[in-house]
């Protein structure tokens, strides 16, 4: 599903990309994806990669997972990567943001009902407000610089806005890009959509700026 988009990001950022095939619910519910992300990061470090040369990135559920994994790594006392990119991030298992209502008629792919159903499967009766599940409730102090990209017509718009505002209040350096009229993870359409290529170019610049 992501090979083409990752290739475009790799080219724009002039870096290698490791695409993590983390375990999925319902067979492997929360917190399995966070455990897999932490394990993959530790594997990179054990094989000679330096934290200052690594940037986390994820889209949709993976966008929230990026923030949750960074918080988990901070709790574990691991050195954090140089920066992170969150595309159309899902950060609230309860879908409480106003944009779930205000953008319901214009978002072609993500509805509040869909989010709640997926969230219930992912949480498997655990607390949907657990900070590592819904990072809008997490302590974001000490995280590396974050880039958020989201489309203006997305129901997930307020997930991004809340995560970004919480990170800013925690003293994190944050860049937020709200792309007019773009749908959920429009980056997938890079082969045919100029706005997708432009967004990916911005990601590439962000990565290069924070890794040198």
Protein backbone atom coordinates (compact mmCIF):
# COMPACT_ATOMS: atom_id res chain seq x y z
CA UNK A 1 0.00 0.00 0.00
CA UNK A 2 2.81 2.45 0.76
CA UNK A 3 5.74 1.48 -1.45
CA UNK A 4 5.15 4.23 -4.05
CA UNK A 5 4.65 6.98 -1.49
CA UNK A 6 7.72 5.89 0.48
CA UNK A 7 9.80 5.90 -2.70
CA UNK A 8 8.76 9.49 -3.40
CA UNK A 9 9.58 10.51 0.18
CA UNK A 10 12.94 8.74 0.00
CA UNK A 11 13.84 10.66 -3.14
CA UNK A 12 12.67 14.00 -1.74
CA UNK A 13 14.54 13.53 1.55
CA UNK A 14 17.64 12.00 -0.05
CA UNK A 15 17.60 9.19 2.51
CA UNK A 16 16.88 5.50 2.89
CA UNK A 17 13.43 4.53 4.17
CA UNK A 18 12.61 1.61 6.44
CA UNK A 19 8.93 0.72 6.05
CA UNK A 20 7.74 -1.02 9.22
CA UNK A 21 5.14 -3.76 8.73
CA UNK A 22 3.93 -3.55 12.32
CA UNK A 23 1.40 -6.00 13.78
CA UNK A 24 -2.26 -5.13 13.30
CA UNK A 25 -5.50 -5.54 15.24
CA UNK A 26 -7.67 -7.44 15.88
CA UNK A 27 -5.10 -10.24 16.19
CA UNK A 28 -2.59 -7.84 17.74
CA UNK A 29 -4.34 -4.89 19.42
CA UNK A 30 -2.88 -1.99 21.39
CA UNK A 31 -0.05 -1.70 22.34
CA UNK A 32 1.49 -4.11 19.77
CA UNK A 33 2.25 -1.44 17.11
CA UNK A 34 4.06 0.70 19.68
CA UNK A 35 6.10 -2.28 20.83
CA UNK A 36 7.03 -3.02 17.21
CA UNK A 37 8.04 0.59 16.55
CA UNK A 38 10.25 0.66 19.63
CA UNK A 39 11.81 -2.69 18.62
CA UNK A 40 12.49 -1.47 15.07
CA UNK A 41 14.11 1.71 16.35
CA UNK A 42 16.31 -0.22 18.77
CA UNK A 43 17.26 -2.52 15.88
CA UNK A 44 18.36 0.48 13.83
CA UNK A 45 20.47 1.81 16.70
CA UNK A 46 22.02 -1.62 17.32
CA UNK A 47 23.04 -1.75 13.67
CA UNK A 48 24.92 1.54 13.78
CA UNK A 49 22.28 4.13 12.87
CA UNK A 50 22.57 7.34 14.85
CA UNK A 51 19.49 8.97 16.42
CA UNK A 52 20.41 12.31 14.87
CA UNK A 53 20.18 10.71 11.41
CA UNK A 54 16.72 9.19 11.93
CA UNK A 55 13.32 10.77 11.32
CA UNK A 56 10.09 8.98 12.22
CA UNK A 57 7.15 9.26 9.85
CA UNK A 58 3.64 7.89 9.60
CA UNK A 59 0.23 8.54 8.08
CA UNK A 60 -3.28 8.17 9.49
CA UNK A 61 -3.08 5.61 12.34
CA UNK A 62 0.66 5.68 11.76
CA UNK A 63 0.69 9.44 12.29
CA UNK A 64 -0.63 9.01 15.81
CA UNK A 65 1.64 6.02 16.31
CA UNK A 66 4.65 8.24 15.57
CA UNK A 67 3.79 10.51 18.50
CA UNK A 68 2.94 7.60 20.81
CA UNK A 69 6.19 5.82 19.98
CA UNK A 70 8.21 8.95 20.69
CA UNK A 71 6.53 9.29 24.08
CA UNK A 72 7.19 5.61 24.81
CA UNK A 73 10.87 5.97 23.87
CA UNK A 74 11.19 9.00 26.14
CA UNK A 75 9.69 7.03 29.05
CA UNK A 76 12.13 4.18 28.31
CA UNK A 77 15.09 6.56 28.39
CA UNK A 78 16.10 5.93 24.77
CA UNK A 79 17.77 8.67 22.71
CA UNK A 80 15.12 10.25 20.51
CA UNK A 81 15.35 10.65 16.72
CA UNK A 82 16.11 13.97 15.09
CA UNK A 83 12.53 14.77 14.12
CA UNK A 84 9.19 13.26 13.10
CA UNK A 85 6.55 13.68 10.39
CA UNK A 86 2.84 13.08 10.99
CA UNK A 87 0.57 12.92 7.93
CA UNK A 88 -3.21 13.07 8.44
CA UNK A 89 -2.60 11.84 11.97
CA UNK A 90 -5.23 9.97 13.99
CA UNK A 91 -4.61 10.82 17.63
CA UNK A 92 -7.96 10.37 19.36
CA UNK A 93 -9.60 6.95 19.68
CA UNK A 94 -12.89 8.59 20.72
CA UNK A 95 -13.09 10.97 17.72
CA UNK A 96 -14.06 13.99 19.81
CA UNK A 97 -12.82 16.73 17.45
CA UNK A 98 -15.32 19.18 15.95
CA UNK A 99 -14.00 18.44 12.44
CA UNK A 100 -15.56 14.98 12.61
CA UNK A 101 -18.85 16.87 12.27
CA UNK A 102 -17.88 19.98 10.32
CA UNK A 103 -16.04 18.01 7.60
CA UNK A 104 -18.33 14.97 7.58
CA UNK A 105 -19.92 15.92 4.25
CA UNK A 106 -16.68 16.72 2.42
CA UNK A 107 -14.23 14.04 3.60
CA UNK A 108 -14.56 11.24 1.02
CA UNK A 109 -12.94 8.45 3.02
CA UNK A 110 -12.93 8.88 6.82
CA UNK A 111 -16.08 9.13 8.95
CA UNK A 112 -16.53 9.33 12.71
CA UNK A 113 -18.39 6.01 12.73
CA UNK A 114 -15.52 4.34 10.89
CA UNK A 115 -12.97 5.77 13.31
CA UNK A 116 -14.96 4.60 16.34
CA UNK A 117 -15.34 1.08 14.95
CA UNK A 118 -11.64 0.78 14.13
CA UNK A 119 -10.70 2.31 17.48
CA UNK A 120 -12.81 -0.24 19.34
CA UNK A 121 -11.08 -3.09 17.50
CA UNK A 122 -7.64 -1.59 18.18
CA UNK A 123 -8.24 -0.98 21.87
CA UNK A 124 -9.84 -4.39 22.63
CA UNK A 125 -11.69 -3.09 25.71
CA UNK A 126 -8.73 -1.05 26.99
CA UNK A 127 -9.07 2.63 27.94
CA UNK A 128 -9.42 4.69 24.73
CA UNK A 129 -7.88 7.65 26.56
CA UNK A 130 -4.65 5.81 27.37
CA UNK A 131 -1.94 8.34 26.42
CA UNK A 132 -0.06 5.88 24.20
CA UNK A 133 -3.28 5.04 22.36
CA UNK A 134 -4.73 8.56 22.06
CA UNK A 135 -1.64 10.79 22.15
CA UNK A 136 -3.82 13.91 22.46
CA UNK A 137 -3.74 12.93 26.16
CA UNK A 138 0.01 12.29 26.33
CA UNK A 139 2.73 14.39 27.94
CA UNK A 140 4.66 15.64 24.92
CA UNK A 141 7.51 17.37 26.73
CA UNK A 142 10.96 16.72 25.31
CA UNK A 143 9.90 15.41 21.92
CA UNK A 144 11.92 16.30 18.81
CA UNK A 145 10.66 18.76 16.16
CA UNK A 146 7.38 17.67 14.55
CA UNK A 147 5.94 18.34 11.10
CA UNK A 148 2.17 17.90 10.76
CA UNK A 149 0.48 17.81 7.36
CA UNK A 150 -3.29 17.48 7.01
CA UNK A 151 -5.95 18.29 4.44
CA UNK A 152 -8.44 21.05 5.18
CA UNK A 153 -11.39 18.77 4.32
CA UNK A 154 -10.36 15.90 6.59
CA UNK A 155 -12.47 14.76 9.51
CA UNK A 156 -9.11 14.17 11.24
CA UNK A 157 -8.20 17.87 10.97
CA UNK A 158 -8.79 18.55 14.66
CA UNK A 159 -6.70 15.54 15.69
CA UNK A 160 -3.78 17.30 14.03
CA UNK A 161 -4.69 20.69 15.49
CA UNK A 162 -4.96 19.28 19.02
CA UNK A 163 -1.73 17.30 18.80
CA UNK A 164 0.12 20.30 17.37
CA UNK A 165 -1.22 22.70 20.00
CA UNK A 166 -0.40 20.30 22.84
CA UNK A 167 3.11 19.85 21.49
CA UNK A 168 3.63 23.61 21.24
CA UNK A 169 2.41 24.07 24.82
CA UNK A 170 4.93 21.41 25.87
CA UNK A 171 7.74 23.39 24.28
CA UNK A 172 8.15 21.22 21.18
CA UNK A 173 9.11 22.87 17.90
CA UNK A 174 6.13 22.30 15.61
CA UNK A 175 5.40 22.98 11.93
CA UNK A 176 1.76 22.64 10.82
CA UNK A 177 0.72 22.56 7.18
CA UNK A 178 -3.01 22.54 6.38
CA UNK A 179 -3.44 21.83 2.69
CA UNK A 180 -6.52 23.31 1.03
CA UNK A 181 -9.10 20.83 -0.26
CA UNK A 182 -6.82 17.82 0.19
CA UNK A 183 -8.28 14.45 1.30
CA UNK A 184 -6.89 11.89 3.72
CA UNK A 185 -3.22 11.11 2.97
CA UNK A 186 -3.28 12.66 -0.49
CA UNK A 187 0.44 11.87 -0.69
CA UNK A 188 -0.52 8.44 -2.06
CA UNK A 189 -1.44 10.13 -5.34
CA UNK A 190 2.04 11.54 -5.97
CA UNK A 191 2.26 9.94 -9.46
CA UNK A 192 -0.71 12.03 -10.65
CA UNK A 193 -1.34 14.84 -8.13
CA UNK A 194 0.89 17.95 -8.02
CA UNK A 195 -0.23 18.79 -4.46
CA UNK A 196 0.96 15.38 -3.31
CA UNK A 197 4.39 15.93 -4.82
CA UNK A 198 4.55 19.42 -3.28
CA UNK A 199 3.67 18.07 0.17
CA UNK A 200 6.30 15.36 -0.16
CA UNK A 201 8.85 17.98 -1.23
CA UNK A 202 8.08 19.85 1.99
CA UNK A 203 8.65 16.65 3.96
CA UNK A 204 11.97 16.16 2.20
CA UNK A 205 13.08 19.68 3.08
CA UNK A 206 12.04 19.15 6.71
CA UNK A 207 13.99 15.90 6.94
CA UNK A 208 17.13 17.38 5.39
CA UNK A 209 16.93 20.44 7.63
CA UNK A 210 16.83 18.39 10.81
CA UNK A 211 19.35 15.73 9.84
CA UNK A 212 21.86 17.85 7.96
